[in-house]
């Protein structure tokens, strides 16, 4: 598993919690989060590993 995918998986629970607090519909937020993770994991090429660090700093702020 790449660093970027690991960072996405680590940040997902916190991001999902933010969405649920904001919008209230857990199922819709979970679906949106899964779609976003799939899109993000496909969009991050392996040579852009610095994005994993950015995801980690975002996770700490959430």
N, C-alpha and C. Protein backbone atom coordinates (compact mmCIF):
# COMPACT_ATOMS: atom_id res chain seq x y z
N UNK A 1 0.85 -1.17 0.00
CA UNK A 1 0.00 0.00 0.00
C UNK A 1 0.90 1.24 0.00
N UNK A 2 0.56 2.19 -0.84
CA UNK A 2 1.39 3.39 -0.95
C UNK A 2 1.15 4.33 0.23
N UNK A 3 2.09 5.25 0.41
CA UNK A 3 1.95 6.23 1.49
C UNK A 3 0.70 7.09 1.30
N UNK A 4 0.39 7.42 0.07
CA UNK A 4 -0.79 8.26 -0.19
C UNK A 4 -2.07 7.52 0.18
N UNK A 5 -2.17 6.25 -0.19
CA UNK A 5 -3.37 5.48 0.14
C UNK A 5 -3.46 5.30 1.65
N UNK A 6 -2.34 5.05 2.30
CA UNK A 6 -2.33 4.92 3.76
C UNK A 6 -2.80 6.21 4.42
N UNK A 7 -2.33 7.35 3.90
CA UNK A 7 -2.75 8.65 4.45
C UNK A 7 -4.24 8.87 4.26
N UNK A 8 -4.76 8.48 3.10
CA UNK A 8 -6.20 8.61 2.86
C UNK A 8 -6.99 7.76 3.83
N UNK A 9 -6.55 6.54 4.05
CA UNK A 9 -7.25 5.64 4.98
C UNK A 9 -7.19 6.17 6.40
N UNK A 10 -6.05 6.75 6.77
CA UNK A 10 -5.91 7.29 8.12
C UNK A 10 -6.80 8.52 8.34
N UNK A 11 -6.94 9.34 7.31
CA UNK A 11 -7.70 10.59 7.44
C UNK A 11 -9.21 10.39 7.28
N UNK A 12 -9.62 9.30 6.68
CA UNK A 12 -11.03 9.08 6.35
C UNK A 12 -11.98 9.14 7.55
N UNK A 13 -11.69 8.49 8.67
CA UNK A 13 -12.66 8.53 9.78
C UNK A 13 -12.91 9.95 10.29
N UNK A 14 -11.86 10.74 10.41
CA UNK A 14 -12.03 12.11 10.89
C UNK A 14 -12.80 12.95 9.88
N UNK A 15 -12.48 12.78 8.62
CA UNK A 15 -13.18 13.53 7.58
C UNK A 15 -14.65 13.12 7.53
N UNK A 16 -14.93 11.84 7.69
CA UNK A 16 -16.32 11.37 7.71
C UNK A 16 -17.07 11.98 8.89
N UNK A 17 -16.43 12.04 10.03
CA UNK A 17 -17.07 12.64 11.21
C UNK A 17 -17.42 14.10 10.96
N UNK A 18 -16.53 14.83 10.30
CA UNK A 18 -16.80 16.24 9.98
C UNK A 18 -18.01 16.34 9.07
N UNK A 19 -18.07 15.49 8.05
CA UNK A 19 -19.20 15.52 7.12
C UNK A 19 -20.52 15.19 7.82
N UNK A 20 -20.49 14.18 8.68
CA UNK A 20 -21.72 13.78 9.38
C UNK A 20 -22.18 14.91 10.32
N UNK A 21 -21.23 15.55 11.02
CA UNK A 21 -21.62 16.67 11.88
C UNK A 21 -22.22 17.81 11.06
N UNK A 22 -21.68 18.02 9.87
CA UNK A 22 -22.14 19.13 9.03
C UNK A 22 -23.48 18.84 8.36
N UNK A 23 -23.64 17.62 7.82
CA UNK A 23 -24.80 17.32 7.01
C UNK A 23 -25.80 16.38 7.67
N UNK A 24 -25.38 15.61 8.68
CA UNK A 24 -26.29 14.79 9.46
C UNK A 24 -26.68 13.44 8.90
N UNK A 25 -26.53 13.20 7.63
CA UNK A 25 -26.95 11.94 7.01
C UNK A 25 -25.74 11.02 6.87
N UNK A 26 -25.60 10.09 7.82
CA UNK A 26 -24.41 9.23 7.84
C UNK A 26 -24.24 8.45 6.55
N UNK A 27 -25.30 7.83 6.07
CA UNK A 27 -25.20 6.98 4.88
C UNK A 27 -24.76 7.78 3.65
N UNK A 28 -25.34 8.96 3.46
CA UNK A 28 -24.97 9.79 2.31
C UNK A 28 -23.53 10.28 2.45
N UNK A 29 -23.13 10.64 3.66
CA UNK A 29 -21.76 11.11 3.89
C UNK A 29 -20.75 9.98 3.68
N UNK A 30 -21.11 8.79 4.13
CA UNK A 30 -20.21 7.64 3.95
C UNK A 30 -20.04 7.32 2.46
N UNK A 31 -21.13 7.37 1.71
CA UNK A 31 -21.05 7.14 0.26
C UNK A 31 -20.17 8.19 -0.41
N UNK A 32 -20.38 9.45 -0.04
CA UNK A 32 -19.58 10.54 -0.62
C UNK A 32 -18.11 10.37 -0.27
N UNK A 33 -17.83 9.97 0.97
CA UNK A 33 -16.44 9.78 1.40
C UNK A 33 -15.79 8.64 0.62
N UNK A 34 -16.50 7.54 0.42
CA UNK A 34 -15.94 6.42 -0.33
C UNK A 34 -15.65 6.81 -1.78
N UNK A 35 -16.56 7.54 -2.38
CA UNK A 35 -16.34 7.99 -3.76
C UNK A 35 -15.15 8.94 -3.83
N UNK A 36 -15.03 9.83 -2.85
CA UNK A 36 -13.90 10.76 -2.83
C UNK A 36 -12.58 10.03 -2.64
N UNK A 37 -12.56 9.02 -1.78
CA UNK A 37 -11.33 8.26 -1.55
C UNK A 37 -10.90 7.50 -2.81
N UNK A 38 -11.87 6.93 -3.51
CA UNK A 38 -11.55 6.22 -4.75
C UNK A 38 -10.97 7.19 -5.78
N UNK A 39 -11.60 8.34 -5.92
CA UNK A 39 -11.12 9.35 -6.87
C UNK A 39 -9.73 9.86 -6.48
N UNK A 40 -9.54 10.12 -5.19
CA UNK A 40 -8.25 10.64 -4.74
C UNK A 40 -7.14 9.61 -4.89
N UNK A 41 -7.41 8.36 -4.57
CA UNK A 41 -6.37 7.34 -4.66
C UNK A 41 -5.94 7.12 -6.11
N UNK A 42 -6.86 7.30 -7.04
CA UNK A 42 -6.50 7.17 -8.45
C UNK A 42 -5.81 8.41 -9.01
N UNK A 43 -6.02 9.54 -8.36
CA UNK A 43 -5.47 10.81 -8.87
C UNK A 43 -4.06 11.09 -8.35
N UNK A 44 -3.62 10.43 -7.29
CA UNK A 44 -2.32 10.71 -6.71
C UNK A 44 -1.27 9.75 -7.26
N UNK A 45 -0.44 10.22 -8.18
CA UNK A 45 0.63 9.36 -8.70
C UNK A 45 1.66 9.04 -7.61
N UNK A 46 2.30 7.90 -7.70
CA UNK A 46 3.27 7.48 -6.67
C UNK A 46 4.39 8.49 -6.45
N UNK A 47 4.77 9.24 -7.47
CA UNK A 47 5.88 10.18 -7.31
C UNK A 47 5.50 11.40 -6.47
N UNK A 48 4.24 11.56 -6.14
CA UNK A 48 3.81 12.70 -5.33
C UNK A 48 3.58 12.29 -3.88
N UNK A 49 4.57 11.68 -3.29
CA UNK A 49 4.44 11.18 -1.92
C UNK A 49 4.31 12.30 -0.90
N UNK A 50 4.71 13.51 -1.26
CA UNK A 50 4.58 14.63 -0.32
C UNK A 50 3.13 14.88 0.04
N UNK A 51 2.20 14.45 -0.79
CA UNK A 51 0.78 14.64 -0.49
C UNK A 51 0.38 13.85 0.75
N UNK A 52 1.05 12.74 1.01
CA UNK A 52 0.73 11.96 2.19
C UNK A 52 1.00 12.78 3.45
N UNK A 53 2.08 13.56 3.44
CA UNK A 53 2.38 14.43 4.57
C UNK A 53 1.32 15.51 4.74
N UNK A 54 0.83 16.04 3.63
CA UNK A 54 -0.22 17.05 3.70
C UNK A 54 -1.51 16.44 4.26
N UNK A 55 -1.83 15.23 3.87
CA UNK A 55 -3.01 14.55 4.39
C UNK A 55 -2.86 14.32 5.89
N UNK A 56 -1.66 13.97 6.32
CA UNK A 56 -1.42 13.75 7.75
C UNK A 56 -1.62 15.05 8.53
N UNK A 57 -1.13 16.16 8.01
CA UNK A 57 -1.31 17.42 8.73
C UNK A 57 -2.78 17.82 8.75
N UNK A 58 -3.52 17.52 7.70
CA UNK A 58 -4.95 17.80 7.68
C UNK A 58 -5.66 16.94 8.72
N UNK A 59 -5.28 15.67 8.82
CA UNK A 59 -5.90 14.78 9.78
C UNK A 59 -5.71 15.31 11.19
N UNK A 60 -4.55 15.85 11.49
CA UNK A 60 -4.29 16.38 12.83
C UNK A 60 -5.17 17.59 13.13
N UNK A 61 -5.51 18.36 12.10
CA UNK A 61 -6.31 19.57 12.32
C UNK A 61 -7.80 19.26 12.47
N UNK A 62 -8.25 18.12 11.95
CA UNK A 62 -9.69 17.80 11.98
C UNK A 62 -10.15 17.36 13.34
